[in-house]
PDB file of N, CA and C in Angstrom:
ATOM      1  N   MET A   1      -2.724 -16.134 -20.392  1.00  0.00           N
ATOM      2  CA  MET A   1      -3.510 -15.491 -19.361  1.00  0.00           C
ATOM      3  C   MET A   1      -4.148 -14.243 -19.947  1.00  0.00           C
ATOM      4  N   ASP A   2      -5.430 -14.093 -19.726  1.00  0.00           N
ATOM      5  CA  ASP A   2      -6.136 -12.897 -20.194  1.00  0.00           C
ATOM      6  C   ASP A   2      -5.811 -11.725 -19.302  1.00  0.00           C
ATOM      7  N   ARG A   3      -5.734 -10.572 -19.910  1.00  0.00           N
ATOM      8  CA  ARG A   3      -5.471  -9.345 -19.166  1.00  0.00           C
ATOM      9  C   ARG A   3      -6.731  -8.512 -19.137  1.00  0.00           C
ATOM     10  N   VAL A   4      -6.922  -7.842 -18.014  1.00  0.00           N
ATOM     11  CA  VAL A   4      -8.069  -6.969 -17.853  1.00  0.00           C
ATOM     12  C   VAL A   4      -7.603  -5.550 -18.099  1.00  0.00           C
ATOM     13  N   LYS A   5      -8.358  -4.812 -18.902  1.00  0.00           N
ATOM     14  CA  LYS A   5      -8.023  -3.423 -19.159  1.00  0.00           C
ATOM     15  C   LYS A   5      -9.089  -2.553 -18.509  1.00  0.00           C
ATOM     16  N   PHE A   6      -8.630  -1.677 -17.646  1.00  0.00           N
ATOM     17  CA  PHE A   6      -9.541  -0.775 -16.957  1.00  0.00           C
ATOM     18  C   PHE A   6      -9.484   0.583 -17.636  1.00  0.00           C
ATOM     19  N   ASP A   7     -10.626   1.037 -18.147  1.00  0.00           N
ATOM     20  CA  ASP A   7     -10.682   2.345 -18.786  1.00  0.00           C
ATOM     21  C   ASP A   7     -10.787   3.459 -17.749  1.00  0.00           C
ATOM     22  N   ASP A   8     -11.425   3.174 -16.639  1.00  0.00           N
ATOM     23  CA  ASP A   8     -11.584   4.171 -15.592  1.00  0.00           C
ATOM     24  C   ASP A   8     -10.382   4.126 -14.650  1.00  0.00           C
ATOM     25  N   VAL A   9      -9.796   5.267 -14.402  1.00  0.00           N
ATOM     26  CA  VAL A   9      -8.603   5.355 -13.555  1.00  0.00           C
ATOM     27  C   VAL A   9      -8.897   4.851 -12.150  1.00  0.00           C
ATOM     28  N   TYR A  10     -10.067   5.141 -11.632  1.00  0.00           N
ATOM     29  CA  TYR A  10     -10.380   4.751 -10.260  1.00  0.00           C
ATOM     30  C   TYR A  10     -10.599   3.250 -10.110  1.00  0.00           C
ATOM     31  N   PHE A  11     -11.106   2.591 -11.131  1.00  0.00           N
ATOM     32  CA  PHE A  11     -11.170   1.131 -11.111  1.00  0.00           C
ATOM     33  C   PHE A  11      -9.751   0.569 -11.088  1.00  0.00           C
ATOM     34  N   ASN A  12      -8.876   1.166 -11.877  1.00  0.00           N
ATOM     35  CA  ASN A  12      -7.487   0.739 -11.931  1.00  0.00           C
ATOM     36  C   ASN A  12      -6.817   0.931 -10.573  1.00  0.00           C
ATOM     37  N   LEU A  13      -7.048   2.073  -9.937  1.00  0.00           N
ATOM     38  CA  LEU A  13      -6.476   2.320  -8.610  1.00  0.00           C
ATOM     39  C   LEU A  13      -6.960   1.290  -7.596  1.00  0.00           C
ATOM     40  N   ASN A  14      -8.256   1.000  -7.619  1.00  0.00           N
ATOM     41  CA  ASN A  14      -8.798   0.022  -6.682  1.00  0.00           C
ATOM     42  C   ASN A  14      -8.232  -1.368  -6.925  1.00  0.00           C
ATOM     43  N   ALA A  15      -8.062  -1.734  -8.179  1.00  0.00           N
ATOM     44  CA  ALA A  15      -7.490  -3.045  -8.505  1.00  0.00           C
ATOM     45  C   ALA A  15      -6.037  -3.125  -8.037  1.00  0.00           C
ATOM     46  N   ARG A  16      -5.293  -2.061  -8.242  1.00  0.00           N
ATOM     47  CA  ARG A  16      -3.893  -2.037  -7.799  1.00  0.00           C
ATOM     48  C   ARG A  16      -3.797  -2.085  -6.272  1.00  0.00           C
ATOM     49  N   ASN A  17      -4.705  -1.387  -5.608  1.00  0.00           N
ATOM     50  CA  ASN A  17      -4.721  -1.404  -4.149  1.00  0.00           C
ATOM     51  C   ASN A  17      -5.053  -2.799  -3.630  1.00  0.00           C
ATOM     52  N   LEU A  18      -5.993  -3.469  -4.274  1.00  0.00           N
ATOM     53  CA  LEU A  18      -6.337  -4.834  -3.890  1.00  0.00           C
ATOM     54  C   LEU A  18      -5.146  -5.767  -4.083  1.00  0.00           C
ATOM     55  N   LEU A  19      -4.440  -5.619  -5.181  1.00  0.00           N
ATOM     56  CA  LEU A  19      -3.258  -6.438  -5.436  1.00  0.00           C
ATOM     57  C   LEU A  19      -2.185  -6.173  -4.380  1.00  0.00           C
ATOM     58  N   LEU A  20      -2.016  -4.919  -3.988  1.00  0.00           N
ATOM     59  CA  LEU A  20      -1.076  -4.562  -2.925  1.00  0.00           C
ATOM     60  C   LEU A  20      -1.427  -5.319  -1.638  1.00  0.00           C
ATOM     61  N   LYS A  21      -2.706  -5.322  -1.290  1.00  0.00           N
ATOM     62  CA  LYS A  21      -3.148  -5.997  -0.068  1.00  0.00           C
ATOM     63  C   LYS A  21      -2.943  -7.509  -0.161  1.00  0.00           C
ATOM     64  N   ILE A  22      -3.168  -8.072  -1.334  1.00  0.00           N
ATOM     65  CA  ILE A  22      -2.956  -9.513  -1.516  1.00  0.00           C
ATOM     66  C   ILE A  22      -1.494  -9.863  -1.325  1.00  0.00           C
ATOM     67  N   TYR A  23      -0.603  -9.091  -1.957  1.00  0.00           N
ATOM     68  CA  TYR A  23       0.828  -9.353  -1.800  1.00  0.00           C
ATOM     69  C   TYR A  23       1.270  -9.220  -0.346  1.00  0.00           C
ATOM     70  N   LEU A  24       0.760  -8.215   0.360  1.00  0.00           N
ATOM     71  CA  LEU A  24       1.109  -8.055   1.778  1.00  0.00           C
ATOM     72  C   LEU A  24       0.606  -9.245   2.591  1.00  0.00           C
ATOM     73  N   GLU A  25      -0.618  -9.623   2.371  1.00  0.00           N
ATOM     74  CA  GLU A  25      -1.229 -10.726   3.123  1.00  0.00           C
ATOM     75  C   GLU A  25      -0.476 -12.033   2.900  1.00  0.00           C
ATOM     76  N   LEU A  26      -0.059 -12.270   1.660  1.00  0.00           N
ATOM     77  CA  LEU A  26       0.638 -13.515   1.325  1.00  0.00           C
ATOM     78  C   LEU A  26       2.143 -13.442   1.572  1.00  0.00           C
ATOM     79  N   GLU A  27       2.607 -12.270   2.023  1.00  0.00           N
ATOM     80  CA  GLU A  27       4.034 -12.023   2.283  1.00  0.00           C
ATOM     81  C   GLU A  27       4.885 -12.252   1.033  1.00  0.00           C
ATOM     82  N   GLU A  28       4.371 -11.856  -0.098  1.00  0.00           N
ATOM     83  CA  GLU A  28       5.092 -11.919  -1.375  1.00  0.00           C
ATOM     84  C   GLU A  28       5.829 -10.584  -1.558  1.00  0.00           C
ATOM     85  N   TYR A  29       6.901 -10.414  -0.791  1.00  0.00           N
ATOM     86  CA  TYR A  29       7.544  -9.105  -0.705  1.00  0.00           C
ATOM     87  C   TYR A  29       8.304  -8.692  -1.960  1.00  0.00           C
ATOM     88  N   ASP A  30       8.865  -9.629  -2.707  1.00  0.00           N
ATOM     89  CA  ASP A  30       9.553  -9.270  -3.955  1.00  0.00           C
ATOM     90  C   ASP A  30       8.549  -8.735  -4.978  1.00  0.00           C
ATOM     91  N   ALA A  31       7.449  -9.444  -5.124  1.00  0.00           N
ATOM     92  CA  ALA A  31       6.409  -8.991  -6.047  1.00  0.00           C
ATOM     93  C   ALA A  31       5.803  -7.679  -5.564  1.00  0.00           C
ATOM     94  N   LEU A  32       5.624  -7.551  -4.253  1.00  0.00           N
ATOM     95  CA  LEU A  32       5.059  -6.329  -3.686  1.00  0.00           C
ATOM     96  C   LEU A  32       5.965  -5.140  -3.941  1.00  0.00           C
ATOM     97  N   ASP A  33       7.256  -5.313  -3.765  1.00  0.00           N
ATOM     98  CA  ASP A  33       8.196  -4.214  -3.978  1.00  0.00           C
ATOM     99  C   ASP A  33       8.109  -3.697  -5.411  1.00  0.00           C
ATOM    100  N   SER A  34       8.064  -4.595  -6.365  1.00  0.00           N
ATOM    101  CA  SER A  34       7.921  -4.215  -7.765  1.00  0.00           C
ATOM    102  C   SER A  34       6.581  -3.534  -8.010  1.00  0.00           C
ATOM    103  N   HIS A  35       5.533  -4.088  -7.419  1.00  0.00           N
ATOM    104  CA  HIS A  35       4.193  -3.534  -7.580  1.00  0.00           C
ATOM    105  C   HIS A  35       4.108  -2.124  -6.997  1.00  0.00           C
ATOM    106  N   LEU A  36       4.730  -1.899  -5.836  1.00  0.00           N
ATOM    107  CA  LEU A  36       4.693  -0.577  -5.209  1.00  0.00           C
ATOM    108  C   LEU A  36       5.335   0.481  -6.108  1.00  0.00           C
ATOM    109  N   SER A  37       6.436   0.110  -6.738  1.00  0.00           N
ATOM    110  CA  SER A  37       7.104   1.052  -7.650  1.00  0.00           C
ATOM    111  C   SER A  37       6.216   1.387  -8.844  1.00  0.00           C
ATOM    112  N   SER A  38       5.625   0.383  -9.451  1.00  0.00           N
ATOM    113  CA  SER A  38       4.780   0.641 -10.625  1.00  0.00           C
ATOM    114  C   SER A  38       3.499   1.376 -10.219  1.00  0.00           C
ATOM    115  N   PHE A  39       2.973   1.085  -9.053  1.00  0.00           N
ATOM    116  CA  PHE A  39       1.773   1.749  -8.541  1.00  0.00           C
ATOM    117  C   PHE A  39       2.055   3.242  -8.330  1.00  0.00           C
ATOM    118  N   GLU A  40       3.190   3.545  -7.744  1.00  0.00           N
ATOM    119  CA  GLU A  40       3.556   4.943  -7.503  1.00  0.00           C
ATOM    120  C   GLU A  40       3.745   5.700  -8.824  1.00  0.00           C
ATOM    121  N   ILE A  41       4.391   5.080  -9.774  1.00  0.00           N
ATOM    122  CA  ILE A  41       4.580   5.707 -11.090  1.00  0.00           C
ATOM    123  C   ILE A  41       3.230   5.948 -11.758  1.00  0.00           C
ATOM    124  N   PHE A  42       2.321   4.977 -11.657  1.00  0.00           N
ATOM    125  CA  PHE A  42       0.984   5.122 -12.226  1.00  0.00           C
ATOM    126  C   PHE A  42       0.272   6.337 -11.631  1.00  0.00           C
ATOM    127  N   ILE A  43       0.330   6.484 -10.315  1.00  0.00           N
ATOM    128  CA  ILE A  43      -0.338   7.605  -9.646  1.00  0.00           C
ATOM    129  C   ILE A  43       0.238   8.933 -10.112  1.00  0.00           C
ATOM    130  N   ARG A  44       1.531   9.010 -10.198  1.00  0.00           N
ATOM    131  CA  ARG A  44       2.173  10.267 -10.610  1.00  0.00           C
ATOM    132  C   ARG A  44       1.915  10.577 -12.087  1.00  0.00           C
ATOM    133  N   ARG A  45       1.887   9.553 -12.918  1.00  0.00           N
ATOM    134  CA  ARG A  45       1.692   9.756 -14.346  1.00  0.00           C
ATOM    135  C   ARG A  45       0.255  10.149 -14.692  1.00  0.00           C
ATOM    136  N   LYS A  46      -0.710   9.590 -13.988  1.00  0.00           N
ATOM    137  CA  LYS A  46      -2.118   9.831 -14.310  1.00  0.00           C
ATOM    138  C   LYS A  46      -2.674  11.112 -13.688  1.00  0.00           C
ATOM    139  N   LYS A  47      -1.883  11.809 -12.903  1.00  0.00           N
ATOM    140  CA  LYS A  47      -2.333  13.069 -12.286  1.00  0.00           C
ATOM    141  C   LYS A  47      -3.627  12.862 -11.488  1.00  0.00           C
ATOM    142  N   ILE A  48      -3.591  11.917 -10.581  1.00  0.00           N
ATOM    143  CA  ILE A  48      -4.740  11.604  -9.736  1.00  0.00           C
ATOM    144  C   ILE A  48      -5.044  12.805  -8.837  1.00  0.00           C
ATOM    145  N   THR A  49      -6.336  13.063  -8.585  1.00  0.00           N
ATOM    146  CA  THR A  49      -6.720  14.197  -7.748  1.00  0.00           C
ATOM    147  C   THR A  49      -6.213  14.015  -6.323  1.00  0.00           C
ATOM    148  N   ASN A  50      -6.023  15.125  -5.644  1.00  0.00           N
ATOM    149  CA  ASN A  50      -5.306  15.131  -4.383  1.00  0.00           C
ATOM    150  C   ASN A  50      -5.831  14.210  -3.283  1.00  0.00           C
ATOM    151  N   PRO A  51      -7.097  14.175  -2.938  1.00  0.00           N
ATOM    152  CA  PRO A  51      -7.460  13.268  -1.830  1.00  0.00           C
ATOM    153  C   PRO A  51      -7.095  11.810  -2.107  1.00  0.00           C
ATOM    154  N   HIS A  52      -7.349  11.351  -3.314  1.00  0.00           N
ATOM    155  CA  HIS A  52      -7.005   9.971  -3.674  1.00  0.00           C
ATOM    156  C   HIS A  52      -5.493   9.803  -3.774  1.00  0.00           C
ATOM    157  N   ARG A  53      -4.849  10.764  -4.357  1.00  0.00           N
ATOM    158  CA  ARG A  53      -3.391  10.707  -4.546  1.00  0.00           C
ATOM    159  C   ARG A  53      -2.683  10.546  -3.203  1.00  0.00           C
ATOM    160  N   ASP A  54      -3.020  11.405  -2.260  1.00  0.00           N
ATOM    161  CA  ASP A  54      -2.371  11.345  -0.946  1.00  0.00           C
ATOM    162  C   ASP A  54      -2.654  10.023  -0.243  1.00  0.00           C
ATOM    163  N   ASN A  55      -3.882   9.543  -0.348  1.00  0.00           N
ATOM    164  CA  ASN A  55      -4.246   8.287   0.296  1.00  0.00           C
ATOM    165  C   ASN A  55      -3.432   7.122  -0.269  1.00  0.00           C
ATOM    166  N   TYR A  56      -3.385   7.004  -1.576  1.00  0.00           N
ATOM    167  CA  TYR A  56      -2.662   5.884  -2.187  1.00  0.00           C
ATOM    168  C   TYR A  56      -1.151   5.998  -1.980  1.00  0.00           C
ATOM    169  N   LEU A  57      -0.609   7.203  -2.066  1.00  0.00           N
ATOM    170  CA  LEU A  57       0.832   7.366  -1.821  1.00  0.00           C
ATOM    171  C   LEU A  57       1.181   7.030  -0.374  1.00  0.00           C
ATOM    172  N   ASN A  58       0.278   7.323   0.543  1.00  0.00           N
ATOM    173  CA  ASN A  58       0.511   6.980   1.942  1.00  0.00           C
ATOM    174  C   ASN A  58       0.459   5.465   2.154  1.00  0.00           C
ATOM    175  N   ILE A  59      -0.459   4.790   1.484  1.00  0.00           N
ATOM    176  CA  ILE A  59      -0.525   3.328   1.561  1.00  0.00           C
ATOM    177  C   ILE A  59       0.780   2.719   1.042  1.00  0.00           C
ATOM    178  N   ILE A  60       1.273   3.253  -0.050  1.00  0.00           N
ATOM    179  CA  ILE A  60       2.525   2.766  -0.628  1.00  0.00           C
ATOM    180  C   ILE A  60       3.677   2.974   0.356  1.00  0.00           C
ATOM    181  N   LYS A  61       3.754   4.167   0.943  1.00  0.00           N
ATOM    182  CA  LYS A  61       4.830   4.484   1.888  1.00  0.00           C
ATOM    183  C   LYS A  61       4.788   3.550   3.095  1.00  0.00           C
ATOM    184  N   LEU A  62       3.612   3.367   3.668  1.00  0.00           N
ATOM    185  CA  LEU A  62       3.496   2.516   4.851  1.00  0.00           C
ATOM    186  C   LEU A  62       3.755   1.046   4.517  1.00  0.00           C
ATOM    187  N   SER A  63       3.348   0.604   3.352  1.00  0.00           N
ATOM    188  CA  SER A  63       3.609  -0.779   2.931  1.00  0.00           C
ATOM    189  C   SER A  63       5.104  -1.019   2.775  1.00  0.00           C
ATOM    190  N   ARG A  64       5.799  -0.047   2.211  1.00  0.00           N
ATOM    191  CA  ARG A  64       7.261  -0.174   2.088  1.00  0.00           C
ATOM    192  C   ARG A  64       7.910  -0.275   3.465  1.00  0.00           C
ATOM    193  N   LYS A  65       7.419   0.510   4.397  1.00  0.00           N
ATOM    194  CA  LYS A  65       7.986   0.464   5.751  1.00  0.00           C
ATOM    195  C   LYS A  65       7.730  -0.889   6.403  1.00  0.00           C
ATOM    196  N   ILE A  66       6.582  -1.472   6.143  1.00  0.00           N
ATOM    197  CA  ILE A  66       6.276  -2.781   6.711  1.00  0.00           C
ATOM    198  C   ILE A  66       7.229  -3.842   6.164  1.00  0.00           C
ATOM    199  N   ILE A  67       7.468  -3.838   4.856  1.00  0.00           N
ATOM    200  CA  ILE A  67       8.330  -4.886   4.289  1.00  0.00           C
ATOM    201  C   ILE A  67       9.800  -4.673   4.628  1.00  0.00           C
ATOM    202  N   GLN A  68      10.177  -3.448   4.985  1.00  0.00           N
ATOM    203  CA  GLN A  68      11.565  -3.180   5.361  1.00  0.00           C
ATOM    204  C   GLN A  68      11.810  -3.322   6.861  1.00  0.00           C
ATOM    205  N   LEU A  69      10.747  -3.514   7.623  1.00  0.00           N
ATOM    206  CA  LEU A  69      10.827  -3.579   9.071  1.00  0.00           C
ATOM    207  C   LEU A  69      11.497  -4.863   9.536  1.00  0.00           C
ATOM    208  N   ASN A  70      12.424  -4.710  10.471  1.00  0.00           N
ATOM    209  CA  ASN A  70      13.022  -5.866  11.123  1.00  0.00           C
ATOM    210  C   ASN A  70      12.014  -6.361  12.157  1.00  0.00           C
ATOM    211  N   PRO A  71      11.500  -7.574  12.029  1.00  0.00           N
ATOM    212  CA  PRO A  71      10.443  -8.042  12.938  1.00  0.00           C
ATOM    213  C   PRO A  71      10.899  -8.152  14.399  1.00  0.00           C
ATOM    214  N   HIS A  72      12.194  -8.139  14.632  1.00  0.00           N
ATOM    215  CA  HIS A  72      12.715  -8.259  15.996  1.00  0.00           C
ATOM    216  C   HIS A  72      13.000  -6.911  16.640  1.00  0.00           C
ATOM    217  N   ASP A  73      12.855  -5.830  15.888  1.00  0.00           N
ATOM    218  CA  ASP A  73      13.091  -4.478  16.400  1.00  0.00           C
ATOM    219  C   ASP A  73      11.782  -3.920  16.955  1.00  0.00           C
ATOM    220  N   LYS A  74      11.605  -4.087  18.263  1.00  0.00           N
ATOM    221  CA  LYS A  74      10.342  -3.694  18.893  1.00  0.00           C
ATOM    222  C   LYS A  74      10.121  -2.191  18.870  1.00  0.00           C
ATOM    223  N   ALA A  75      11.186  -1.420  18.991  1.00  0.00           N
ATOM    224  CA  ALA A  75      11.049   0.042  18.981  1.00  0.00           C
ATOM    225  C   ALA A  75      10.601   0.531  17.609  1.00  0.00           C
ATOM    226  N   ALA A  76      11.188  -0.024  16.553  1.00  0.00           N
ATOM    227  CA  ALA A  76      10.805   0.368  15.192  1.00  0.00           C
ATOM    228  C   ALA A  76       9.375  -0.069  14.898  1.00  0.00           C
ATOM    229  N   LYS A  77       9.006  -1.234  15.397  1.00  0.00           N
ATOM    230  CA  LYS A  77       7.643  -1.737  15.186  1.00  0.00           C
ATOM    231  C   LYS A  77       6.628  -0.852  15.907  1.00  0.00           C
ATOM    232  N   ALA A  78       6.960  -0.412  17.111  1.00  0.00           N
ATOM    233  CA  ALA A  78       6.063   0.466  17.875  1.00  0.00           C
ATOM    234  C   ALA A  78       5.928   1.824  17.184  1.00  0.00           C
ATOM    235  N   ALA A  79       7.040   2.338  16.651  1.00  0.00           N
ATOM    236  CA  ALA A  79       7.003   3.623  15.938  1.00  0.00           C
ATOM    237  C   ALA A  79       6.151   3.518  14.675  1.00  0.00           C
ATOM    238  N   LEU A  80       6.292   2.410  13.956  1.00  0.00           N
ATOM    239  CA  LEU A  80       5.494   2.208  12.746  1.00  0.00           C
ATOM    240  C   LEU A  80       4.015   2.032  13.106  1.00  0.00           C
ATOM    241  N   ARG A  81       3.738   1.370  14.206  1.00  0.00           N
ATOM    242  CA  ARG A  81       2.358   1.202  14.662  1.00  0.00           C
ATOM    243  C   ARG A  81       1.724   2.579  14.920  1.00  0.00           C
ATOM    244  N   LYS A  82       2.457   3.475  15.558  1.00  0.00           N
ATOM    245  CA  LYS A  82       1.939   4.827  15.831  1.00  0.00           C
ATOM    246  C   LYS A  82       1.663   5.569  14.529  1.00  0.00           C
ATOM    247  N   GLU A  83       2.572   5.409  13.570  1.00  0.00           N
ATOM    248  CA  GLU A  83       2.398   6.066  12.275  1.00  0.00           C
ATOM    249  C   GLU A  83       1.160   5.528  11.549  1.00  0.00           C
ATOM    250  N   ILE A  84       0.958   4.224  11.614  1.00  0.00           N
ATOM    251  CA  ILE A  84      -0.212   3.619  10.971  1.00  0.00           C
ATOM    252  C   ILE A  84      -1.495   4.045  11.689  1.00  0.00           C
ATOM    253  N   GLU A  85      -1.454   4.130  13.005  1.00  0.00           N
ATOM    254  CA  GLU A  85      -2.633   4.551  13.767  1.00  0.00           C
ATOM    255  C   GLU A  85      -3.049   5.983  13.432  1.00  0.00           C
ATOM    256  N   ALA A  86      -2.116   6.780  12.942  1.00  0.00           N
ATOM    257  CA  ALA A  86      -2.419   8.160  12.541  1.00  0.00           C
ATOM    258  C   ALA A  86      -3.022   8.237  11.140  1.00  0.00           C
ATOM    259  N   GLU A  87      -3.054   7.102  10.434  1.00  0.00           N
ATOM    260  CA  GLU A  87      -3.626   7.039   9.080  1.00  0.00           C
ATOM    261  C   GLU A  87      -5.087   7.473   9.126  1.00  0.00           C
ATOM    262  N   LYS A  88      -5.477   8.329   8.186  1.00  0.00           N
ATOM    263  CA  LYS A  88      -6.836   8.884   8.166  1.00  0.00           C
ATOM    264  C   LYS A  88      -7.883   7.903   7.650  1.00  0.00           C
ATOM    265  N   ASN A  89      -7.515   7.066   6.712  1.00  0.00           N
ATOM    266  CA  ASN A  89      -8.463   6.116   6.127  1.00  0.00           C
ATOM    267  C   ASN A  89      -8.633   4.914   7.070  1.00  0.00           C
ATOM    268  N   PRO A  90      -9.829   4.743   7.657  1.00  0.00           N
ATOM    269  CA  PRO A  90     -10.003   3.675   8.654  1.00  0.00           C
ATOM    270  C   PRO A  90      -9.806   2.264   8.109  1.00  0.00           C
ATOM    271  N   SER A  91     -10.203   2.001   6.876  1.00  0.00           N
ATOM    272  CA  SER A  91     -10.030   0.644   6.340  1.00  0.00           C
ATOM    273  C   SER A  91      -8.558   0.343   6.088  1.00  0.00           C
ATOM    274  N   THR A  92      -7.830   1.335   5.609  1.00  0.00           N
ATOM    275  CA  THR A  92      -6.389   1.164   5.402  1.00  0.00           C
ATOM    276  C   THR A  92      -5.693   0.967   6.743  1.00  0.00           C
ATOM    277  N   ARG A  93      -6.056   1.779   7.708  1.00  0.00           N
ATOM    278  CA  ARG A  93      -5.458   1.696   9.045  1.00  0.00           C
ATOM    279  C   ARG A  93      -5.680   0.299   9.633  1.00  0.00           C
ATOM    280  N   ALA A  94      -6.899  -0.183   9.585  1.00  0.00           N
ATOM    281  CA  ALA A  94      -7.216  -1.492  10.158  1.00  0.00           C
ATOM    282  C   ALA A  94      -6.438  -2.610   9.451  1.00  0.00           C
ATOM    283  N   PHE A  95      -6.388  -2.545   8.138  1.00  0.00           N
ATOM    284  CA  PHE A  95      -5.684  -3.589   7.377  1.00  0.00           C
ATOM    285  C   PHE A  95      -4.194  -3.594   7.706  1.00  0.00           C
ATOM    286  N   LEU A  96      -3.564  -2.417   7.688  1.00  0.00           N
ATOM    287  CA  LEU A  96      -2.124  -2.351   7.934  1.00  0.00           C
ATOM    288  C   LEU A  96      -1.773  -2.748   9.370  1.00  0.00           C
ATOM    289  N   LEU A  97      -2.614  -2.390  10.323  1.00  0.00           N
ATOM    290  CA  LEU A  97      -2.366  -2.813  11.710  1.00  0.00           C
ATOM    291  C   LEU A  97      -2.482  -4.327  11.838  1.00  0.00           C
ATOM    292  N   GLU A  98      -3.411  -4.928  11.113  1.00  0.00           N
ATOM    293  CA  GLU A  98      -3.546  -6.378  11.131  1.00  0.00           C
ATOM    294  C   GLU A  98      -2.303  -7.042  10.539  1.00  0.00           C
ATOM    295  N   ILE A  99      -1.788  -6.483   9.460  1.00  0.00           N
ATOM    296  CA  ILE A  99      -0.581  -7.039   8.829  1.00  0.00           C
ATOM    297  C   ILE A  99       0.621  -6.887   9.765  1.00  0.00           C
ATOM    298  N   LEU A 100       0.679  -5.793  10.494  1.00  0.00           N
ATOM    299  CA  LEU A 100       1.820  -5.519  11.376  1.00  0.00           C
ATOM    300  C   LEU A 100       1.875  -6.496  12.544  1.00  0.00           C
ATOM    301  N   GLU A 101       0.740  -7.074  12.918  1.00  0.00           N
ATOM    302  CA  GLU A 101       0.698  -8.033  14.040  1.00  0.00           C
ATOM    303  C   GLU A 101       1.645  -9.129  13.750  1.00  0.00           C
TER     304      GLU A 101
END
């Protein structure tokens, strides 16, 4: 399998974010959990600027909460829904709310 090397950090961030969304959509939670850890380490290691850093770290945090959520716990699901609705990035908010359904 050929590997793609991204020289630009922001291309790399976007590719990692897309992979995160694919894993969530396909419910590949084991792969997603590993990906979230490596994604977070990448962000911290590369010293990403603050607006992007906070956005991506928040996506990681909310994604972890989604995969750890008990689907039968309505109170926890409602609390997570409120937290996602407070997300500043509208595309992230819409995607995560769709996954939470």
